[in-house]
């Protein structure tokens, strides 16, 4: 089994791009789907978020990006290559999450800058928090989501054969 080193960057870059896309889609399109505004009896505007519609929106984005990555971005990679590349992405996510959780002096402004990078994992994180009510488990398990791309990998790379003349 031969590893193609030039493929190791694909999953981390895709995950970061997926996080940024999810972040901006949630900001710019989310208001049309899950923001509820109403005028109260006193004439004040009340704005709130519908948690059900927000969760549906997050899960649709997550599944779309998972399928897009698996069926398009990583279709030429083997399961082994995806696993190694996903391990790099998961290690980066895990390092950031552990730093945010364990370092009391971790700057909040840096957390705000890093938040869009993990935005595509928010659906699983909020589901786990609702189900378990355990913060550490709910923020650490989504760091391993890049390993889901292994399901879309090839068993092996077919060798390139020279065309036969005549």
C-alpha atoms as a PDB file:
ATOM      1  CA  UNK A   1       0.000   0.000   0.000  1.00  0.00           C
ATOM      2  CA  UNK A   2       1.649   3.142  -1.228  1.00  0.00           C
ATOM      3  CA  UNK A   3       0.867   6.502   0.334  1.00  0.00           C
ATOM      4  CA  UNK A   4       0.704   9.570  -1.872  1.00  0.00           C
ATOM      5  CA  UNK A   5       2.029  12.367   0.394  1.00  0.00           C
ATOM      6  CA  UNK A   6       0.487  15.130  -1.720  1.00  0.00           C
ATOM      7  CA  UNK A   7      -2.984  13.966  -0.584  1.00  0.00           C
ATOM      8  CA  UNK A   8      -2.414  14.524   3.137  1.00  0.00           C
ATOM      9  CA  UNK A   9      -3.459  18.182   3.054  1.00  0.00           C
ATOM     10  CA  UNK A  10      -6.876  17.545   1.484  1.00  0.00           C
ATOM     11  CA  UNK A  11      -9.020  16.672   4.517  1.00  0.00           C
ATOM     12  CA  UNK A  12      -7.679  19.436   6.812  1.00  0.00           C
ATOM     13  CA  UNK A  13      -8.095  22.085   4.107  1.00  0.00           C
ATOM     14  CA  UNK A  14     -11.548  20.809   3.189  1.00  0.00           C
ATOM     15  CA  UNK A  15     -12.643  20.789   6.846  1.00  0.00           C
ATOM     16  CA  UNK A  16     -11.423  24.345   7.384  1.00  0.00           C
ATOM     17  CA  UNK A  17     -13.130  25.500   4.169  1.00  0.00           C
ATOM     18  CA  UNK A  18     -16.329  23.636   5.156  1.00  0.00           C
ATOM     19  CA  UNK A  19     -16.278  25.379   8.537  1.00  0.00           C
ATOM     20  CA  UNK A  20     -15.883  28.810   6.980  1.00  0.00           C
ATOM     21  CA  UNK A  21     -18.629  28.139   4.411  1.00  0.00           C
ATOM     22  CA  UNK A  22     -20.970  26.874   7.150  1.00  0.00           C
ATOM     23  CA  UNK A  23     -20.227  29.901   9.306  1.00  0.00           C
ATOM     24  CA  UNK A  24     -21.040  32.432   6.605  1.00  0.00           C
ATOM     25  CA  UNK A  25     -24.062  30.522   5.283  1.00  0.00           C
ATOM     26  CA  UNK A  26     -25.448  30.433   8.806  1.00  0.00           C
ATOM     27  CA  UNK A  27     -24.911  34.160   9.230  1.00  0.00           C
ATOM     28  CA  UNK A  28     -26.242  35.295   5.871  1.00  0.00           C
ATOM     29  CA  UNK A  29     -28.904  32.669   5.075  1.00  0.00           C
ATOM     30  CA  UNK A  30     -29.847  31.574   8.571  1.00  0.00           C
ATOM     31  CA  UNK A  31     -31.913  34.643   9.260  1.00  0.00           C
ATOM     32  CA  UNK A  32     -34.354  33.567   6.560  1.00  0.00           C
ATOM     33  CA  UNK A  33     -34.752  30.094   8.057  1.00  0.00           C
ATOM     34  CA  UNK A  34     -34.595  30.224  11.831  1.00  0.00           C
ATOM     35  CA  UNK A  35     -34.755  33.822  13.056  1.00  0.00           C
ATOM     36  CA  UNK A  36     -38.204  34.670  14.392  1.00  0.00           C
ATOM     37  CA  UNK A  37     -39.094  38.315  14.843  1.00  0.00           C
ATOM     38  CA  UNK A  38     -42.348  39.654  16.190  1.00  0.00           C
ATOM     39  CA  UNK A  39     -43.668  42.932  17.458  1.00  0.00           C
ATOM     40  CA  UNK A  40     -44.813  42.847  21.060  1.00  0.00           C
ATOM     41  CA  UNK A  41     -47.851  44.564  22.536  1.00  0.00           C
ATOM     42  CA  UNK A  42     -45.613  47.415  23.630  1.00  0.00           C
ATOM     43  CA  UNK A  43     -44.414  47.996  20.055  1.00  0.00           C
ATOM     44  CA  UNK A  44     -40.922  46.573  20.700  1.00  0.00           C
ATOM     45  CA  UNK A  45     -39.390  44.191  18.200  1.00  0.00           C
ATOM     46  CA  UNK A  46     -38.630  40.763  19.718  1.00  0.00           C
ATOM     47  CA  UNK A  47     -36.058  38.639  17.904  1.00  0.00           C
ATOM     48  CA  UNK A  48     -35.397  34.999  18.772  1.00  0.00           C
ATOM     49  CA  UNK A  49     -34.093  31.812  17.201  1.00  0.00           C
ATOM     50  CA  UNK A  50     -36.212  28.756  16.560  1.00  0.00           C
ATOM     51  CA  UNK A  51     -34.063  25.877  17.894  1.00  0.00           C
ATOM     52  CA  UNK A  52     -35.773  23.212  15.769  1.00  0.00           C
ATOM     53  CA  UNK A  53     -35.296  25.108  12.500  1.00  0.00           C
ATOM     54  CA  UNK A  54     -31.746  26.013  13.533  1.00  0.00           C
ATOM     55  CA  UNK A  55     -30.894  22.350  14.141  1.00  0.00           C
ATOM     56  CA  UNK A  56     -32.446  21.296  10.836  1.00  0.00           C
ATOM     57  CA  UNK A  57     -30.447  24.009   9.047  1.00  0.00           C
ATOM     58  CA  UNK A  58     -27.191  22.889  10.738  1.00  0.00           C
ATOM     59  CA  UNK A  59     -27.787  19.206   9.962  1.00  0.00           C
ATOM     60  CA  UNK A  60     -28.597  19.907   6.303  1.00  0.00           C
ATOM     61  CA  UNK A  61     -25.377  21.907   5.955  1.00  0.00           C
ATOM     62  CA  UNK A  62     -23.388  19.190   7.729  1.00  0.00           C
ATOM     63  CA  UNK A  63     -24.769  16.371   5.581  1.00  0.00           C
ATOM     64  CA  UNK A  64     -24.346  18.378   2.376  1.00  0.00           C
ATOM     65  CA  UNK A  65     -20.708  19.141   3.178  1.00  0.00           C
ATOM     66  CA  UNK A  66     -20.057  15.541   4.246  1.00  0.00           C
ATOM     67  CA  UNK A  67     -21.475  14.195   0.990  1.00  0.00           C
ATOM     68  CA  UNK A  68     -19.749  16.855  -1.100  1.00  0.00           C
ATOM     69  CA  UNK A  69     -16.413  16.035   0.491  1.00  0.00           C
ATOM     70  CA  UNK A  70     -16.865  12.289   0.311  1.00  0.00           C
ATOM     71  CA  UNK A  71     -18.259  12.060  -3.186  1.00  0.00           C
ATOM     72  CA  UNK A  72     -16.301  14.853  -4.837  1.00  0.00           C
ATOM     73  CA  UNK A  73     -13.225  16.061  -2.954  1.00  0.00           C
ATOM     74  CA  UNK A  74     -11.908  12.697  -1.769  1.00  0.00           C
ATOM     75  CA  UNK A  75     -13.145  10.328  -4.469  1.00  0.00           C
ATOM     76  CA  UNK A  76      -9.640   9.647  -5.785  1.00  0.00           C
ATOM     77  CA  UNK A  77      -8.159   8.944  -2.351  1.00  0.00           C
ATOM     78  CA  UNK A  78      -7.840   5.558  -0.693  1.00  0.00           C
ATOM     79  CA  UNK A  79      -9.287   4.877   2.746  1.00  0.00           C
ATOM     80  CA  UNK A  80      -5.772   4.798   4.160  1.00  0.00           C
ATOM     81  CA  UNK A  81      -4.919   8.222   2.717  1.00  0.00           C
ATOM     82  CA  UNK A  82      -8.188   9.685   3.975  1.00  0.00           C
ATOM     83  CA  UNK A  83      -7.560   8.190   7.414  1.00  0.00           C
ATOM     84  CA  UNK A  84      -4.113   9.778   7.660  1.00  0.00           C
ATOM     85  CA  UNK A  85      -5.360  13.090   6.345  1.00  0.00           C
ATOM     86  CA  UNK A  86      -8.360  12.994   8.709  1.00  0.00           C
ATOM     87  CA  UNK A  87      -6.003  12.241  11.598  1.00  0.00           C
ATOM     88  CA  UNK A  88      -4.148  15.474  10.844  1.00  0.00           C
ATOM     89  CA  UNK A  89      -7.427  17.416  10.760  1.00  0.00           C
ATOM     90  CA  UNK A  90      -8.668  15.776  13.962  1.00  0.00           C
ATOM     91  CA  UNK A  91      -5.362  16.487  15.722  1.00  0.00           C
ATOM     92  CA  UNK A  92      -5.612  20.164  14.779  1.00  0.00           C
ATOM     93  CA  UNK A  93      -9.229  20.369  15.959  1.00  0.00           C
ATOM     94  CA  UNK A  94      -8.391  18.492  19.155  1.00  0.00           C
ATOM     95  CA  UNK A  95      -5.427  20.749  19.940  1.00  0.00           C
ATOM     96  CA  UNK A  96      -7.563  23.875  19.586  1.00  0.00           C
ATOM     97  CA  UNK A  97     -10.438  22.426  21.627  1.00  0.00           C
ATOM     98  CA  UNK A  98      -8.182  21.224  24.435  1.00  0.00           C
ATOM     99  CA  UNK A  99      -6.407  24.579  24.528  1.00  0.00           C
ATOM    100  CA  UNK A 100      -9.755  26.385  24.807  1.00  0.00           C
ATOM    101  CA  UNK A 101     -10.996  24.038  27.523  1.00  0.00           C
ATOM    102  CA  UNK A 102      -7.863  23.584  29.612  1.00  0.00           C
ATOM    103  CA  UNK A 103      -5.955  26.850  29.400  1.00  0.00           C
ATOM    104  CA  UNK A 104      -7.570  29.435  31.655  1.00  0.00           C
ATOM    105  CA  UNK A 105      -5.653  32.231  29.936  1.00  0.00           C
ATOM    106  CA  UNK A 106      -6.727  31.239  26.404  1.00  0.00           C
ATOM    107  CA  UNK A 107      -7.726  34.520  24.762  1.00  0.00           C
ATOM    108  CA  UNK A 108     -11.417  34.841  23.972  1.00  0.00           C
ATOM    109  CA  UNK A 109     -10.667  36.909  20.905  1.00  0.00           C
ATOM    110  CA  UNK A 110      -8.654  33.999  19.499  1.00  0.00           C
ATOM    111  CA  UNK A 111     -11.595  31.680  20.181  1.00  0.00           C
ATOM    112  CA  UNK A 112     -13.816  33.995  18.164  1.00  0.00           C
ATOM    113  CA  UNK A 113     -11.343  33.886  15.276  1.00  0.00           C
ATOM    114  CA  UNK A 114     -11.119  30.082  15.401  1.00  0.00           C
ATOM    115  CA  UNK A 115     -14.875  29.467  15.784  1.00  0.00           C
ATOM    116  CA  UNK A 116     -15.661  29.567  12.032  1.00  0.00           C
ATOM    117  CA  UNK A 117     -13.136  26.779  11.392  1.00  0.00           C
ATOM    118  CA  UNK A 118     -15.171  24.284  13.420  1.00  0.00           C
ATOM    119  CA  UNK A 119     -18.589  25.602  12.487  1.00  0.00           C
ATOM    120  CA  UNK A 120     -19.481  22.578  10.360  1.00  0.00           C
ATOM    121  CA  UNK A 121     -19.308  20.309  13.437  1.00  0.00           C
ATOM    122  CA  UNK A 122     -21.773  22.426  15.432  1.00  0.00           C
ATOM    123  CA  UNK A 123     -24.761  20.191  14.658  1.00  0.00           C
ATOM    124  CA  UNK A 124     -23.236  17.161  16.376  1.00  0.00           C
ATOM    125  CA  UNK A 125     -21.894  19.240  19.232  1.00  0.00           C
ATOM    126  CA  UNK A 126     -25.261  20.769  20.076  1.00  0.00           C
ATOM    127  CA  UNK A 127     -27.027  17.400  19.732  1.00  0.00           C
ATOM    128  CA  UNK A 128     -24.556  15.762  22.108  1.00  0.00           C
ATOM    129  CA  UNK A 129     -24.912  18.604  24.592  1.00  0.00           C
ATOM    130  CA  UNK A 130     -28.704  18.220  24.578  1.00  0.00           C
ATOM    131  CA  UNK A 131     -28.528  14.436  24.960  1.00  0.00           C
ATOM    132  CA  UNK A 132     -25.720  14.081  27.501  1.00  0.00           C
ATOM    133  CA  UNK A 133     -25.492  17.492  29.185  1.00  0.00           C
ATOM    134  CA  UNK A 134     -21.732  16.819  29.376  1.00  0.00           C
ATOM    135  CA  UNK A 135     -19.689  19.735  28.023  1.00  0.00           C
ATOM    136  CA  UNK A 136     -16.315  18.015  27.516  1.00  0.00           C
ATOM    137  CA  UNK A 137     -17.808  15.055  25.670  1.00  0.00           C
ATOM    138  CA  UNK A 138     -19.982  17.341  23.551  1.00  0.00           C
ATOM    139  CA  UNK A 139     -17.093  19.472  22.328  1.00  0.00           C
ATOM    140  CA  UNK A 140     -14.423  16.758  22.023  1.00  0.00           C
ATOM    141  CA  UNK A 141     -16.300  14.099  20.027  1.00  0.00           C
ATOM    142  CA  UNK A 142     -17.069  16.363  17.019  1.00  0.00           C
ATOM    143  CA  UNK A 143     -13.323  16.876  16.609  1.00  0.00           C
ATOM    144  CA  UNK A 144     -13.212  13.333  15.198  1.00  0.00           C
ATOM    145  CA  UNK A 145     -15.830  13.937  12.485  1.00  0.00           C
ATOM    146  CA  UNK A 146     -13.218  14.099   9.675  1.00  0.00           C
ATOM    147  CA  UNK A 147     -12.887  10.328  10.065  1.00  0.00           C
ATOM    148  CA  UNK A 148     -16.367   9.956   8.525  1.00  0.00           C
ATOM    149  CA  UNK A 149     -14.790  10.685   5.152  1.00  0.00           C
ATOM    150  CA  UNK A 150     -13.093   7.265   5.308  1.00  0.00           C
ATOM    151  CA  UNK A 151     -16.444   5.733   4.371  1.00  0.00           C
ATOM    152  CA  UNK A 152     -16.151   7.328   0.938  1.00  0.00           C
ATOM    153  CA  UNK A 153     -12.585   6.211   0.161  1.00  0.00           C
ATOM    154  CA  UNK A 154     -11.457   3.656  -2.366  1.00  0.00           C
ATOM    155  CA  UNK A 155     -10.023   0.320  -1.337  1.00  0.00           C
ATOM    156  CA  UNK A 156      -6.845   0.980  -3.333  1.00  0.00           C
ATOM    157  CA  UNK A 157      -5.559   3.101  -6.168  1.00  0.00           C
ATOM    158  CA  UNK A 158      -5.642   1.353  -9.516  1.00  0.00           C
ATOM    159  CA  UNK A 159      -2.251   1.319 -11.240  1.00  0.00           C
ATOM    160  CA  UNK A 160      -1.998   3.403 -14.386  1.00  0.00           C
ATOM    161  CA  UNK A 161      -1.556   1.235 -17.454  1.00  0.00           C
ATOM    162  CA  UNK A 162       0.012   2.321 -20.707  1.00  0.00           C
ATOM    163  CA  UNK A 163      -2.326   2.303 -23.692  1.00  0.00           C
ATOM    164  CA  UNK A 164      -1.954  -0.660 -25.996  1.00  0.00           C
ATOM    165  CA  UNK A 165      -1.175   0.265 -29.588  1.00  0.00           C
ATOM    166  CA  UNK A 166      -2.863  -1.394 -32.526  1.00  0.00           C
END
